[in-house]
PDB file of all heavy atoms in Angstrom:
ATOM      1  N   PRO A   1    -293.979 137.090 -55.091  1.00  0.00           N
ATOM      2  CA  PRO A   1    -292.859 136.399 -55.740  1.00  0.00           C
ATOM      3  C   PRO A   1    -291.548 136.758 -55.056  1.00  0.00           C
ATOM      4  O   PRO A   1    -290.881 137.722 -55.405  1.00  0.00           O
ATOM      5  CB  PRO A   1    -292.908 136.925 -57.181  1.00  0.00           C
ATOM      6  CG  PRO A   1    -293.621 138.235 -57.085  1.00  0.00           C
ATOM      7  CD  PRO A   1    -294.567 138.129 -55.929  1.00  0.00           C
ATOM      8  N   ILE A   2    -291.176 135.953 -54.077  1.00  0.00           N
ATOM      9  CA  ILE A   2    -290.061 136.275 -53.195  1.00  0.00           C
ATOM     10  C   ILE A   2    -288.763 136.514 -53.964  1.00  0.00           C
ATOM     11  O   ILE A   2    -287.981 137.374 -53.631  1.00  0.00           O
ATOM     12  CB  ILE A   2    -289.860 135.155 -52.157  1.00  0.00           C
ATOM     13  CG1 ILE A   2    -291.117 135.010 -51.292  1.00  0.00           C
ATOM     14  CG2 ILE A   2    -288.646 135.410 -51.285  1.00  0.00           C
ATOM     15  CD1 ILE A   2    -291.482 136.252 -50.525  1.00  0.00           C
ATOM     16  N   GLY A   3    -288.554 135.787 -55.018  1.00  0.00           N
ATOM     17  CA  GLY A   3    -287.292 135.930 -55.734  1.00  0.00           C
ATOM     18  C   GLY A   3    -287.179 137.190 -56.557  1.00  0.00           C
ATOM     19  O   GLY A   3    -286.089 137.575 -56.942  1.00  0.00           O
ATOM     20  N   THR A   4    -288.316 137.861 -56.838  1.00  0.00           N
ATOM     21  CA  THR A   4    -288.257 138.999 -57.746  1.00  0.00           C
ATOM     22  C   THR A   4    -288.790 140.294 -57.150  1.00  0.00           C
ATOM     23  O   THR A   4    -288.127 141.313 -57.177  1.00  0.00           O
ATOM     24  CB  THR A   4    -289.039 138.689 -59.032  1.00  0.00           C
ATOM     25  OG1 THR A   4    -290.374 138.319 -58.674  1.00  0.00           O
ATOM     26  CG2 THR A   4    -288.398 137.563 -59.797  1.00  0.00           C
ATOM     27  N   SER A   5    -290.000 140.264 -56.581  1.00  0.00           N
ATOM     28  CA  SER A   5    -290.633 141.505 -56.165  1.00  0.00           C
ATOM     29  C   SER A   5    -290.049 142.094 -54.891  1.00  0.00           C
ATOM     30  O   SER A   5    -290.142 143.278 -54.658  1.00  0.00           O
ATOM     31  CB  SER A   5    -292.143 141.292 -55.967  1.00  0.00           C
ATOM     32  OG  SER A   5    -292.749 141.032 -57.198  1.00  0.00           O
ATOM     33  N   LEU A   6    -289.463 141.273 -54.045  1.00  0.00           N
ATOM     34  CA  LEU A   6    -288.948 141.763 -52.773  1.00  0.00           C
ATOM     35  C   LEU A   6    -287.466 142.062 -52.884  1.00  0.00           C
ATOM     36  O   LEU A   6    -286.696 141.279 -53.423  1.00  0.00           O
ATOM     37  CB  LEU A   6    -289.169 140.727 -51.673  1.00  0.00           C
ATOM     38  CG  LEU A   6    -290.610 140.379 -51.356  1.00  0.00           C
ATOM     39  CD1 LEU A   6    -290.646 139.355 -50.231  1.00  0.00           C
ATOM     40  CD2 LEU A   6    -291.398 141.601 -50.986  1.00  0.00           C
ATOM     41  N   ASN A   7    -287.054 143.225 -52.359  1.00  0.00           N
ATOM     42  CA  ASN A   7    -285.630 143.502 -52.319  1.00  0.00           C
ATOM     43  C   ASN A   7    -285.016 142.848 -51.086  1.00  0.00           C
ATOM     44  O   ASN A   7    -285.717 142.295 -50.247  1.00  0.00           O
ATOM     45  CB  ASN A   7    -285.351 145.015 -52.354  1.00  0.00           C
ATOM     46  CG  ASN A   7    -285.968 145.745 -51.186  1.00  0.00           C
ATOM     47  OD1 ASN A   7    -286.016 145.223 -50.077  1.00  0.00           O
ATOM     48  ND2 ASN A   7    -286.452 146.952 -51.427  1.00  0.00           N
ATOM     49  N   THR A   8    -283.697 142.942 -50.984  1.00  0.00           N
ATOM     50  CA  THR A   8    -282.994 142.238 -49.911  1.00  0.00           C
ATOM     51  C   THR A   8    -283.467 142.685 -48.537  1.00  0.00           C
ATOM     52  O   THR A   8    -283.673 141.877 -47.634  1.00  0.00           O
ATOM     53  CB  THR A   8    -281.473 142.470 -50.040  1.00  0.00           C
ATOM     54  OG1 THR A   8    -281.057 141.998 -51.310  1.00  0.00           O
ATOM     55  CG2 THR A   8    -280.714 141.729 -48.937  1.00  0.00           C
ATOM     56  N   GLU A   9    -283.651 143.994 -48.382  1.00  0.00           N
ATOM     57  CA  GLU A   9    -284.067 144.509 -47.083  1.00  0.00           C
ATOM     58  C   GLU A   9    -285.406 143.935 -46.678  1.00  0.00           C
ATOM     59  O   GLU A   9    -285.610 143.521 -45.532  1.00  0.00           O
ATOM     60  CB  GLU A   9    -284.130 146.040 -47.136  1.00  0.00           C
ATOM     61  CG  GLU A   9    -284.657 146.705 -45.877  1.00  0.00           C
ATOM     62  CD  GLU A   9    -283.747 146.536 -44.671  1.00  0.00           C
ATOM     63  OE1 GLU A   9    -282.590 146.096 -44.852  1.00  0.00           O
ATOM     64  OE2 GLU A   9    -284.188 146.830 -43.552  1.00  0.00           O
ATOM     65  N   GLU A  10    -286.357 143.850 -47.624  1.00  0.00           N
ATOM     66  CA  GLU A  10    -287.688 143.351 -47.294  1.00  0.00           C
ATOM     67  C   GLU A  10    -287.672 141.849 -47.018  1.00  0.00           C
ATOM     68  O   GLU A  10    -288.440 141.358 -46.200  1.00  0.00           O
ATOM     69  CB  GLU A  10    -288.663 143.704 -48.422  1.00  0.00           C
ATOM     70  CG  GLU A  10    -289.088 145.149 -48.309  1.00  0.00           C
ATOM     71  CD  GLU A  10    -289.480 145.748 -49.634  1.00  0.00           C
ATOM     72  OE1 GLU A  10    -289.133 145.204 -50.689  1.00  0.00           O
ATOM     73  OE2 GLU A  10    -290.131 146.796 -49.605  1.00  0.00           O
ATOM     74  N   LYS A  11    -286.811 141.119 -47.658  1.00  0.00           N
ATOM     75  CA  LYS A  11    -286.693 139.702 -47.346  1.00  0.00           C
ATOM     76  C   LYS A  11    -286.220 139.485 -45.910  1.00  0.00           C
ATOM     77  O   LYS A  11    -286.532 138.479 -45.282  1.00  0.00           O
ATOM     78  CB  LYS A  11    -285.696 139.043 -48.303  1.00  0.00           C
ATOM     79  CG  LYS A  11    -286.179 138.901 -49.741  1.00  0.00           C
ATOM     80  CD  LYS A  11    -285.096 138.258 -50.582  1.00  0.00           C
ATOM     81  CE  LYS A  11    -285.469 138.242 -52.047  1.00  0.00           C
ATOM     82  NZ  LYS A  11    -284.397 137.678 -52.879  1.00  0.00           N
ATOM     83  N   LEU A  12    -285.479 140.447 -45.391  1.00  0.00           N
ATOM     84  CA  LEU A  12    -284.888 140.292 -44.065  1.00  0.00           C
ATOM     85  C   LEU A  12    -285.716 140.925 -42.963  1.00  0.00           C
ATOM     86  O   LEU A  12    -285.343 140.861 -41.796  1.00  0.00           O
ATOM     87  CB  LEU A  12    -283.480 140.910 -44.055  1.00  0.00           C
ATOM     88  CG  LEU A  12    -282.446 140.232 -44.966  1.00  0.00           C
ATOM     89  CD1 LEU A  12    -281.144 141.023 -44.971  1.00  0.00           C
ATOM     90  CD2 LEU A  12    -282.189 138.806 -44.531  1.00  0.00           C
ATOM     91  N   PHE A  13    -286.848 141.551 -43.310  1.00  0.00           N
ATOM     92  CA  PHE A  13    -287.645 142.240 -42.300  1.00  0.00           C
ATOM     93  C   PHE A  13    -287.918 141.340 -41.097  1.00  0.00           C
ATOM     94  O   PHE A  13    -287.603 141.686 -39.966  1.00  0.00           O
ATOM     95  CB  PHE A  13    -288.981 142.696 -42.887  1.00  0.00           C
ATOM     96  CG  PHE A  13    -288.933 144.048 -43.540  1.00  0.00           C
ATOM     97  CD1 PHE A  13    -289.894 144.395 -44.471  1.00  0.00           C
ATOM     98  CD2 PHE A  13    -287.959 144.975 -43.218  1.00  0.00           C
ATOM     99  CE1 PHE A  13    -289.867 145.632 -45.078  1.00  0.00           C
ATOM    100  CE2 PHE A  13    -287.919 146.215 -43.814  1.00  0.00           C
ATOM    101  CZ  PHE A  13    -288.875 146.542 -44.754  1.00  0.00           C
ATOM    102  N   TRP A  14    -288.538 140.191 -41.365  1.00  0.00           N
ATOM    103  CA  TRP A  14    -288.950 139.341 -40.250  1.00  0.00           C
ATOM    104  C   TRP A  14    -287.747 138.679 -39.563  1.00  0.00           C
ATOM    105  O   TRP A  14    -287.836 138.231 -38.438  1.00  0.00           O
ATOM    106  CB  TRP A  14    -289.945 138.288 -40.725  1.00  0.00           C
ATOM    107  CG  TRP A  14    -289.331 137.163 -41.497  1.00  0.00           C
ATOM    108  CD1 TRP A  14    -288.939 135.956 -41.011  1.00  0.00           C
ATOM    109  CD2 TRP A  14    -289.033 137.130 -42.901  1.00  0.00           C
ATOM    110  NE1 TRP A  14    -288.414 135.180 -42.015  1.00  0.00           N
ATOM    111  CE2 TRP A  14    -288.465 135.880 -43.190  1.00  0.00           C
ATOM    112  CE3 TRP A  14    -289.184 138.045 -43.941  1.00  0.00           C
ATOM    113  CZ2 TRP A  14    -288.052 135.538 -44.465  1.00  0.00           C
ATOM    114  CZ3 TRP A  14    -288.781 137.687 -45.207  1.00  0.00           C
ATOM    115  CH2 TRP A  14    -288.218 136.447 -45.450  1.00  0.00           C
ATOM    116  N   GLN A  15    -286.602 138.642 -40.246  1.00  0.00           N
ATOM    117  CA  GLN A  15    -285.431 137.999 -39.652  1.00  0.00           C
ATOM    118  C   GLN A  15    -284.763 138.873 -38.595  1.00  0.00           C
ATOM    119  O   GLN A  15    -283.829 138.438 -37.927  1.00  0.00           O
ATOM    120  CB  GLN A  15    -284.446 137.626 -40.759  1.00  0.00           C
ATOM    121  CG  GLN A  15    -284.995 136.537 -41.668  1.00  0.00           C
ATOM    122  CD  GLN A  15    -284.026 136.134 -42.759  1.00  0.00           C
ATOM    123  OE1 GLN A  15    -282.871 136.501 -42.722  1.00  0.00           O
ATOM    124  NE2 GLN A  15    -284.517 135.396 -43.737  1.00  0.00           N
ATOM    125  N   ARG A  16    -285.232 140.120 -38.435  1.00  0.00           N
ATOM    126  CA  ARG A  16    -284.724 140.953 -37.347  1.00  0.00           C
ATOM    127  C   ARG A  16    -285.177 140.416 -35.982  1.00  0.00           C
ATOM    128  O   ARG A  16    -284.618 140.769 -34.959  1.00  0.00           O
ATOM    129  CB  ARG A  16    -285.258 142.377 -37.487  1.00  0.00           C
ATOM    130  CG  ARG A  16    -284.705 143.165 -38.652  1.00  0.00           C
ATOM    131  CD  ARG A  16    -285.504 144.445 -38.803  1.00  0.00           C
ATOM    132  NE  ARG A  16    -284.895 145.349 -39.764  1.00  0.00           N
ATOM    133  CZ  ARG A  16    -285.486 146.423 -40.246  1.00  0.00           C
ATOM    134  NH1 ARG A  16    -286.717 146.722 -39.859  1.00  0.00           N
ATOM    135  NH2 ARG A  16    -284.884 147.212 -41.100  1.00  0.00           N
ATOM    136  N   TYR A  17    -286.194 139.591 -36.000  1.00  0.00           N
ATOM    137  CA  TYR A  17    -286.842 139.175 -34.766  1.00  0.00           C
ATOM    138  C   TYR A  17    -286.656 137.679 -34.548  1.00  0.00           C
ATOM    139  O   TYR A  17    -287.071 136.857 -35.371  1.00  0.00           O
ATOM    140  CB  TYR A  17    -288.331 139.519 -34.831  1.00  0.00           C
ATOM    141  CG  TYR A  17    -288.547 140.992 -35.093  1.00  0.00           C
ATOM    142  CD1 TYR A  17    -288.708 141.472 -36.379  1.00  0.00           C
ATOM    143  CD2 TYR A  17    -288.550 141.898 -34.038  1.00  0.00           C
ATOM    144  CE1 TYR A  17    -288.868 142.822 -36.624  1.00  0.00           C
ATOM    145  CE2 TYR A  17    -288.718 143.244 -34.267  1.00  0.00           C
ATOM    146  CZ  TYR A  17    -288.873 143.717 -35.566  1.00  0.00           C
ATOM    147  OH  TYR A  17    -289.022 145.057 -35.790  1.00  0.00           O
ATOM    148  N   PRO A  18    -286.057 137.292 -33.436  1.00  0.00           N
ATOM    149  CA  PRO A  18    -285.777 135.866 -33.190  1.00  0.00           C
ATOM    150  C   PRO A  18    -286.998 134.977 -33.319  1.00  0.00           C
ATOM    151  O   PRO A  18    -286.901 133.847 -33.809  1.00  0.00           O
ATOM    152  CB  PRO A  18    -285.239 135.868 -31.748  1.00  0.00           C
ATOM    153  CG  PRO A  18    -284.679 137.236 -31.554  1.00  0.00           C
ATOM    154  CD  PRO A  18    -285.555 138.158 -32.357  1.00  0.00           C
ATOM    155  N   LEU A  19    -288.163 135.463 -32.908  1.00  0.00           N
ATOM    156  CA  LEU A  19    -289.364 134.643 -32.916  1.00  0.00           C
ATOM    157  C   LEU A  19    -289.770 134.209 -34.322  1.00  0.00           C
ATOM    158  O   LEU A  19    -290.398 133.175 -34.503  1.00  0.00           O
ATOM    159  CB  LEU A  19    -290.517 135.418 -32.260  1.00  0.00           C
ATOM    160  CG  LEU A  19    -291.807 134.637 -31.987  1.00  0.00           C
ATOM    161  CD1 LEU A  19    -291.543 133.501 -31.009  1.00  0.00           C
ATOM    162  CD2 LEU A  19    -292.872 135.573 -31.447  1.00  0.00           C
ATOM    163  N   TYR A  20    -289.399 135.014 -35.334  1.00  0.00           N
ATOM    164  CA  TYR A  20    -289.863 134.752 -36.696  1.00  0.00           C
ATOM    165  C   TYR A  20    -288.770 134.214 -37.628  1.00  0.00           C
ATOM    166  O   TYR A  20    -289.025 133.985 -38.802  1.00  0.00           O
ATOM    167  CB  TYR A  20    -290.432 136.045 -37.303  1.00  0.00           C
ATOM    168  CG  TYR A  20    -291.567 136.651 -36.510  1.00  0.00           C
ATOM    169  CD1 TYR A  20    -291.578 138.012 -36.209  1.00  0.00           C
ATOM    170  CD2 TYR A  20    -292.619 135.871 -36.054  1.00  0.00           C
ATOM    171  CE1 TYR A  20    -292.622 138.571 -35.476  1.00  0.00           C
ATOM    172  CE2 TYR A  20    -293.655 136.418 -35.326  1.00  0.00           C
ATOM    173  CZ  TYR A  20    -293.650 137.776 -35.038  1.00  0.00           C
ATOM    174  OH  TYR A  20    -294.682 138.316 -34.316  1.00  0.00           O
ATOM    175  N   ARG A  21    -287.580 134.006 -37.118  1.00  0.00           N
ATOM    176  CA  ARG A  21    -286.471 133.650 -38.007  1.00  0.00           C
ATOM    177  C   ARG A  21    -286.644 132.305 -38.684  1.00  0.00           C
ATOM    178  O   ARG A  21    -286.143 132.079 -39.782  1.00  0.00           O
ATOM    179  CB  ARG A  21    -285.152 133.667 -37.224  1.00  0.00           C
ATOM    180  CG  ARG A  21    -284.604 135.079 -37.051  1.00  0.00           C
ATOM    181  CD  ARG A  21    -283.289 135.110 -36.322  1.00  0.00           C
ATOM    182  NE  ARG A  21    -282.911 136.503 -36.059  1.00  0.00           N
ATOM    183  CZ  ARG A  21    -282.209 136.879 -35.010  1.00  0.00           C
ATOM    184  NH1 ARG A  21    -281.815 135.980 -34.115  1.00  0.00           N
ATOM    185  NH2 ARG A  21    -281.898 138.159 -34.837  1.00  0.00           N
ATOM    186  N   ASP A  22    -287.359 131.391 -38.051  1.00  0.00           N
ATOM    187  CA  ASP A  22    -287.547 130.070 -38.648  1.00  0.00           C
ATOM    188  C   ASP A  22    -288.815 129.981 -39.480  1.00  0.00           C
ATOM    189  O   ASP A  22    -289.142 128.910 -40.003  1.00  0.00           O
ATOM    190  CB  ASP A  22    -287.589 128.994 -37.553  1.00  0.00           C
ATOM    191  CG  ASP A  22    -286.235 128.819 -36.877  1.00  0.00           C
ATOM    192  OD1 ASP A  22    -285.221 129.098 -37.542  1.00  0.00           O
ATOM    193  OD2 ASP A  22    -286.208 128.415 -35.702  1.00  0.00           O
ATOM    194  N   ILE A  23    -289.523 131.095 -39.610  1.00  0.00           N
ATOM    195  CA  ILE A  23    -290.750 131.107 -40.423  1.00  0.00           C
ATOM    196  C   ILE A  23    -290.374 131.422 -41.862  1.00  0.00           C
ATOM    197  O   ILE A  23    -289.846 132.490 -42.151  1.00  0.00           O
ATOM    198  CB  ILE A  23    -291.742 132.177 -39.902  1.00  0.00           C
ATOM    199  CG1 ILE A  23    -291.991 132.010 -38.407  1.00  0.00           C
ATOM    200  CG2 ILE A  23    -293.040 132.119 -40.689  1.00  0.00           C
ATOM    201  CD1 ILE A  23    -292.589 130.693 -38.014  1.00  0.00           C
ATOM    202  N   PRO A  24    -290.609 130.515 -42.790  1.00  0.00           N
ATOM    203  CA  PRO A  24    -290.258 130.784 -44.192  1.00  0.00           C
ATOM    204  C   PRO A  24    -291.104 131.921 -44.745  1.00  0.00           C
ATOM    205  O   PRO A  24    -292.234 132.150 -44.297  1.00  0.00           O
ATOM    206  CB  PRO A  24    -290.555 129.459 -44.895  1.00  0.00           C
ATOM    207  CG  PRO A  24    -291.517 128.755 -44.015  1.00  0.00           C
ATOM    208  CD  PRO A  24    -291.225 129.182 -42.608  1.00  0.00           C
ATOM    209  N   PRO A  25    -290.587 132.669 -45.704  1.00  0.00           N
ATOM    210  CA  PRO A  25    -291.304 133.842 -46.213  1.00  0.00           C
ATOM    211  C   PRO A  25    -292.680 133.529 -46.767  1.00  0.00           C
ATOM    212  O   PRO A  25    -293.610 134.326 -46.615  1.00  0.00           O
ATOM    213  CB  PRO A  25    -290.377 134.399 -47.293  1.00  0.00           C
ATOM    214  CG  PRO A  25    -289.365 133.342 -47.562  1.00  0.00           C
ATOM    215  CD  PRO A  25    -289.259 132.523 -46.331  1.00  0.00           C
ATOM    216  N   GLU A  26    -292.828 132.358 -47.409  1.00  0.00           N
ATOM    217  CA  GLU A  26    -294.150 132.045 -47.973  1.00  0.00           C
ATOM    218  C   GLU A  26    -295.198 131.833 -46.881  1.00  0.00           C
ATOM    219  O   GLU A  26    -296.399 131.935 -47.130  1.00  0.00           O
ATOM    220  CB  GLU A  26    -294.073 130.825 -48.902  1.00  0.00           C
ATOM    221  CG  GLU A  26    -293.726 129.507 -48.230  1.00  0.00           C
ATOM    222  CD  GLU A  26    -292.228 129.244 -48.168  1.00  0.00           C
ATOM    223  OE1 GLU A  26    -291.445 130.227 -48.316  1.00  0.00           O
ATOM    224  OE2 GLU A  26    -291.855 128.073 -47.980  1.00  0.00           O
ATOM    225  N   VAL A  27    -294.748 131.536 -45.661  1.00  0.00           N
ATOM    226  CA  VAL A  27    -295.665 131.442 -44.519  1.00  0.00           C
ATOM    227  C   VAL A  27    -295.860 132.824 -43.906  1.00  0.00           C
ATOM    228  O   VAL A  27    -296.983 133.265 -43.659  1.00  0.00           O
ATOM    229  CB  VAL A  27    -295.127 130.458 -43.458  1.00  0.00           C
ATOM    230  CG1 VAL A  27    -296.027 130.445 -42.229  1.00  0.00           C
ATOM    231  CG2 VAL A  27    -294.998 129.063 -44.044  1.00  0.00           C
ATOM    232  N   PHE A  28    -294.732 133.509 -43.658  1.00  0.00           N
ATOM    233  CA  PHE A  28    -294.799 134.819 -43.014  1.00  0.00           C
ATOM    234  C   PHE A  28    -295.680 135.783 -43.803  1.00  0.00           C
ATOM    235  O   PHE A  28    -296.411 136.592 -43.231  1.00  0.00           O
ATOM    236  CB  PHE A  28    -293.394 135.396 -42.860  1.00  0.00           C
ATOM    237  CG  PHE A  28    -293.340 136.663 -42.064  1.00  0.00           C
ATOM    238  CD1 PHE A  28    -293.304 136.632 -40.679  1.00  0.00           C
ATOM    239  CD2 PHE A  28    -293.328 137.907 -42.694  1.00  0.00           C
ATOM    240  CE1 PHE A  28    -293.258 137.805 -39.933  1.00  0.00           C
ATOM    241  CE2 PHE A  28    -293.280 139.079 -41.960  1.00  0.00           C
ATOM    242  CZ  PHE A  28    -293.247 139.028 -40.577  1.00  0.00           C
ATOM    243  N   TYR A  29    -295.634 135.731 -45.116  1.00  0.00           N
ATOM    244  CA  TYR A  29    -296.395 136.653 -45.955  1.00  0.00           C
ATOM    245  C   TYR A  29    -297.774 136.122 -46.336  1.00  0.00           C
ATOM    246  O   TYR A  29    -298.403 136.634 -47.252  1.00  0.00           O
ATOM    247  CB  TYR A  29    -295.590 137.018 -47.213  1.00  0.00           C
ATOM    248  CG  TYR A  29    -294.455 137.965 -46.916  1.00  0.00           C
ATOM    249  CD1 TYR A  29    -293.132 137.571 -47.085  1.00  0.00           C
ATOM    250  CD2 TYR A  29    -294.705 139.250 -46.458  1.00  0.00           C
ATOM    251  CE1 TYR A  29    -292.088 138.442 -46.810  1.00  0.00           C
ATOM    252  CE2 TYR A  29    -293.672 140.126 -46.180  1.00  0.00           C
ATOM    253  CZ  TYR A  29    -292.367 139.721 -46.360  1.00  0.00           C
ATOM    254  OH  TYR A  29    -291.343 140.587 -46.086  1.00  0.00           O
ATOM    255  N   ASP A  30    -298.232 135.106 -45.649  1.00  0.00           N
ATOM    256  CA  ASP A  30    -299.594 134.607 -45.853  1.00  0.00           C
ATOM    257  C   ASP A  30    -300.524 135.328 -44.869  1.00  0.00           C
ATOM    258  O   ASP A  30    -300.275 135.327 -43.661  1.00  0.00           O
ATOM    259  CB  ASP A  30    -299.634 133.103 -45.608  1.00  0.00           C
ATOM    260  CG  ASP A  30    -301.005 132.519 -45.914  1.00  0.00           C
ATOM    261  OD1 ASP A  30    -301.917 132.706 -45.090  1.00  0.00           O
ATOM    262  OD2 ASP A  30    -301.146 131.901 -46.978  1.00  0.00           O
ATOM    263  N   TRP A  31    -301.595 135.911 -45.353  1.00  0.00           N
ATOM    264  CA  TRP A  31    -302.457 136.728 -44.485  1.00  0.00           C
ATOM    265  C   TRP A  31    -303.130 135.892 -43.401  1.00  0.00           C
ATOM    266  O   TRP A  31    -303.375 136.384 -42.295  1.00  0.00           O
ATOM    267  CB  TRP A  31    -303.488 137.495 -45.310  1.00  0.00           C
ATOM    268  CG  TRP A  31    -304.579 136.667 -45.944  1.00  0.00           C
ATOM    269  CD1 TRP A  31    -304.585 136.116 -47.187  1.00  0.00           C
ATOM    270  CD2 TRP A  31    -305.835 136.331 -45.354  1.00  0.00           C
ATOM    271  NE1 TRP A  31    -305.752 135.436 -47.421  1.00  0.00           N
ATOM    272  CE2 TRP A  31    -306.551 135.557 -46.314  1.00  0.00           C
ATOM    273  CE3 TRP A  31    -306.444 136.582 -44.128  1.00  0.00           C
ATOM    274  CZ2 TRP A  31    -307.830 135.049 -46.065  1.00  0.00           C
ATOM    275  CZ3 TRP A  31    -307.713 136.080 -43.880  1.00  0.00           C
ATOM    276  CH2 TRP A  31    -308.387 135.321 -44.840  1.00  0.00           C
ATOM    277  N   ARG A  32    -303.408 134.608 -43.713  1.00  0.00           N
ATOM    278  CA  ARG A  32    -304.050 133.759 -42.705  1.00  0.00           C
ATOM    279  C   ARG A  32    -303.107 133.518 -41.521  1.00  0.00           C
ATOM    280  O   ARG A  32    -303.522 133.523 -40.367  1.00  0.00           O
ATOM    281  CB  ARG A  32    -304.473 132.440 -43.331  1.00  0.00           C
ATOM    282  CG  ARG A  32    -305.536 132.591 -44.432  1.00  0.00           C
ATOM    283  CD  ARG A  32    -305.840 131.234 -45.049  1.00  0.00           C
ATOM    284  NE  ARG A  32    -306.806 131.337 -46.124  1.00  0.00           N
ATOM    285  CZ  ARG A  32    -306.506 131.596 -47.393  1.00  0.00           C
ATOM    286  NH1 ARG A  32    -305.229 131.771 -47.735  1.00  0.00           N
ATOM    287  NH2 ARG A  32    -307.442 131.675 -48.317  1.00  0.00           N
TER     288      ARG A  32
END
């Protein structure tokens, strides 16, 4: 639940990396 369980820092984890910045969190956090 991106709006509640993740804090700000964790929402931004993948945004540190240019390759993943356009990947929405619901995709990035999908195990597949």
